[in-house]
Amino acid sequence: KDGSHQISASGPVYRGPGAPATGPMHHYTFEIYALDTKLDVPAAADAFETRTNVMKAMQGHIIGKAVYMGLFHRPQ
């Protein structure tokens, strides 16, 4: 699962990375974009298709980008 959203009692919401309870460090990469417009892209049937549609809609509107990378594992 890509972590883009999860279903809860309040509906689909972003809950952040979800590393397994055991195992090695997990790498997480967050891409943050500044746009010159507001996008109106409906959610698709799956997260990959939604991401593809959003990335297409962003083309020509990106005025800045930052990348945040982190490592995480749950305490043993």
C-alpha atoms as a PDB file:
ATOM      1  CA  LYS A   1       0.000   0.000   0.000  1.00  0.00           C
ATOM      2  CA  ASP A   2       1.409   3.403  -0.882  1.00  0.00           C
ATOM      3  CA  GLY A   3       0.063   5.189   2.204  1.00  0.00           C
ATOM      4  CA  SER A   4      -1.791   7.846   0.223  1.00  0.00           C
ATOM      5  CA  HIS A   5      -4.943   7.266   2.261  1.00  0.00           C
ATOM      6  CA  GLN A   6      -6.621   4.761   4.492  1.00  0.00           C
ATOM      7  CA  ILE A   7     -10.275   4.216   5.254  1.00  0.00           C
ATOM      8  CA  SER A   8     -11.476   5.037   8.760  1.00  0.00           C
ATOM      9  CA  ALA A   9     -14.798   5.793  10.438  1.00  0.00           C
ATOM     10  CA  SER A  10     -14.442   9.397   9.255  1.00  0.00           C
ATOM     11  CA  GLY A  11     -13.737   8.399   5.626  1.00  0.00           C
ATOM     12  CA  PRO A  12     -10.529   8.280   3.575  1.00  0.00           C
ATOM     13  CA  VAL A  13      -7.761  10.166   5.362  1.00  0.00           C
ATOM     14  CA  TYR A  14      -3.972  10.272   5.243  1.00  0.00           C
ATOM     15  CA  ARG A  15      -2.495   8.547   8.289  1.00  0.00           C
ATOM     16  CA  GLY A  16       1.203   8.706   7.458  1.00  0.00           C
ATOM     17  CA  PRO A  17       3.646   5.860   6.907  1.00  0.00           C
ATOM     18  CA  GLY A  18       2.783   2.480   8.335  1.00  0.00           C
ATOM     19  CA  ALA A  19       5.933   0.461   8.959  1.00  0.00           C
ATOM     20  CA  PRO A  20       5.411  -3.174   9.947  1.00  0.00           C
ATOM     21  CA  ALA A  21       5.597  -4.038  13.634  1.00  0.00           C
ATOM     22  CA  THR A  22       8.911  -5.858  13.107  1.00  0.00           C
ATOM     23  CA  GLY A  23      11.710  -5.681  10.602  1.00  0.00           C
ATOM     24  CA  PRO A  24      14.418  -3.338   9.368  1.00  0.00           C
ATOM     25  CA  MET A  25      14.309   0.428   8.911  1.00  0.00           C
ATOM     26  CA  HIS A  26      11.920   1.592   6.213  1.00  0.00           C
ATOM     27  CA  HIS A  27      12.747   4.460   3.873  1.00  0.00           C
ATOM     28  CA  TYR A  28      10.041   7.030   3.207  1.00  0.00           C
ATOM     29  CA  THR A  29      10.129   9.768   0.570  1.00  0.00           C
ATOM     30  CA  PHE A  30       7.656  12.651   0.534  1.00  0.00           C
ATOM     31  CA  GLU A  31       7.471  14.958  -2.485  1.00  0.00           C
ATOM     32  CA  ILE A  32       5.927  18.375  -1.825  1.00  0.00           C
ATOM     33  CA  TYR A  33       4.902  20.535  -4.787  1.00  0.00           C
ATOM     34  CA  ALA A  34       4.051  24.234  -5.001  1.00  0.00           C
ATOM     35  CA  LEU A  35       1.560  24.880  -7.796  1.00  0.00           C
ATOM     36  CA  ASP A  36       0.297  28.023  -9.482  1.00  0.00           C
ATOM     37  CA  THR A  37      -3.250  26.667  -9.561  1.00  0.00           C
ATOM     38  CA  LYS A  38      -5.661  24.560  -7.541  1.00  0.00           C
ATOM     39  CA  LEU A  39      -6.235  21.079  -8.945  1.00  0.00           C
ATOM     40  CA  ASP A  40      -9.625  19.403  -9.168  1.00  0.00           C
ATOM     41  CA  VAL A  41      -8.818  15.746  -9.804  1.00  0.00           C
ATOM     42  CA  PRO A  42     -11.315  13.143  -8.588  1.00  0.00           C
ATOM     43  CA  ALA A  43     -10.071   9.993  -6.883  1.00  0.00           C
ATOM     44  CA  ALA A  44      -9.784   7.016  -9.218  1.00  0.00           C
ATOM     45  CA  ALA A  45     -10.420   3.350  -8.526  1.00  0.00           C
ATOM     46  CA  ASP A  46      -6.928   2.831  -7.103  1.00  0.00           C
ATOM     47  CA  ALA A  47      -4.142   4.955  -5.628  1.00  0.00           C
ATOM     48  CA  PHE A  48      -1.746   4.431  -8.566  1.00  0.00           C
ATOM     49  CA  GLU A  49      -4.296   5.711 -11.087  1.00  0.00           C
ATOM     50  CA  THR A  50      -5.139   8.686  -8.856  1.00  0.00           C
ATOM     51  CA  ARG A  51      -1.435   9.571  -8.533  1.00  0.00           C
ATOM     52  CA  THR A  52      -0.985   9.301 -12.315  1.00  0.00           C
ATOM     53  CA  ASN A  53      -3.953  11.633 -12.925  1.00  0.00           C
ATOM     54  CA  VAL A  54      -2.707  14.166 -10.360  1.00  0.00           C
ATOM     55  CA  MET A  55       0.816  14.167 -11.821  1.00  0.00           C
ATOM     56  CA  LYS A  56      -0.608  14.764 -15.326  1.00  0.00           C
ATOM     57  CA  ALA A  57      -2.792  17.629 -14.064  1.00  0.00           C
ATOM     58  CA  MET A  58       0.224  19.224 -12.342  1.00  0.00           C
ATOM     59  CA  GLN A  59       2.266  19.404 -15.562  1.00  0.00           C
ATOM     60  CA  GLY A  60       2.942  23.012 -16.461  1.00  0.00           C
ATOM     61  CA  HIS A  61       1.837  24.277 -13.034  1.00  0.00           C
ATOM     62  CA  ILE A  62       4.777  23.324 -10.789  1.00  0.00           C
ATOM     63  CA  ILE A  63       6.568  26.395  -9.434  1.00  0.00           C
ATOM     64  CA  GLY A  64       8.556  24.628  -6.716  1.00  0.00           C
ATOM     65  CA  LYS A  65       9.321  21.213  -5.294  1.00  0.00           C
ATOM     66  CA  ALA A  66      10.887  19.824  -2.124  1.00  0.00           C
ATOM     67  CA  VAL A  67      11.736  16.257  -1.173  1.00  0.00           C
ATOM     68  CA  TYR A  68      11.789  14.998   2.403  1.00  0.00           C
ATOM     69  CA  MET A  69      13.335  11.597   3.081  1.00  0.00           C
ATOM     70  CA  GLY A  70      13.176   9.756   6.359  1.00  0.00           C
ATOM     71  CA  LEU A  71      13.860   6.427   8.028  1.00  0.00           C
ATOM     72  CA  PHE A  72      11.554   4.765  10.512  1.00  0.00           C
ATOM     73  CA  HIS A  73      11.058   1.492  12.331  1.00  0.00           C
ATOM     74  CA  ARG A  74       8.797   0.657  15.212  1.00  0.00           C
ATOM     75  CA  PRO A  75      10.443   0.187  18.602  1.00  0.00           C
ATOM     76  CA  GLN A  76      11.064  -3.490  19.382  1.00  0.00           C
END
